[in-house]
Amino acid sequence: QVQLVESGGGLVQPGGSLRLSCAASGSIFSINAMGWYRQAPGKQRELVAAITRGGTTNYADSVKGRFTISRDNRKNTVYLQMNSLKSEDTAVYYCNAEDVWYESSSYESGMAKYLEVWGQGTQVTVSS
């Protein structure tokens, strides 16, 4: 009933920029935190950046000063602006949403909550 759809990945040269978008669809009332994770081949998935509904942000040390996360609460969309990209940024980037309240006829309140929802991932490749 709730889906996250990412877009904006692709191939870019070192030093270049990309902007990722992730839109949540469904009958959503609110989303607490939204964020971006990435997973490179042979490595564990790691947090890149996160943002709360109120706008508080958190970044991995490796991307501080280069990446900027933002969100539009009215559109239930989160963005990741990536500048000065390096080869080590190459990975599949996943969108994540926490505490997603949505419309549900299964409950008397008419509401239900997903603790966590993940997108399908988008590939970012930084190479010359």
Foldseek 3Di string as FASTA:
>chain_A
DKAKAKDWADEAAAQAKIKMKIFIDAQWDFFFKKFKWWDDPPGDIGGAKMATPVGDIDGDPVQPPFKDKDDDGVRRMIMIIGGRDDQVVWTWMKMKIAFIWGADPVDPVRIDTDGMHMHPTDTHGYHD
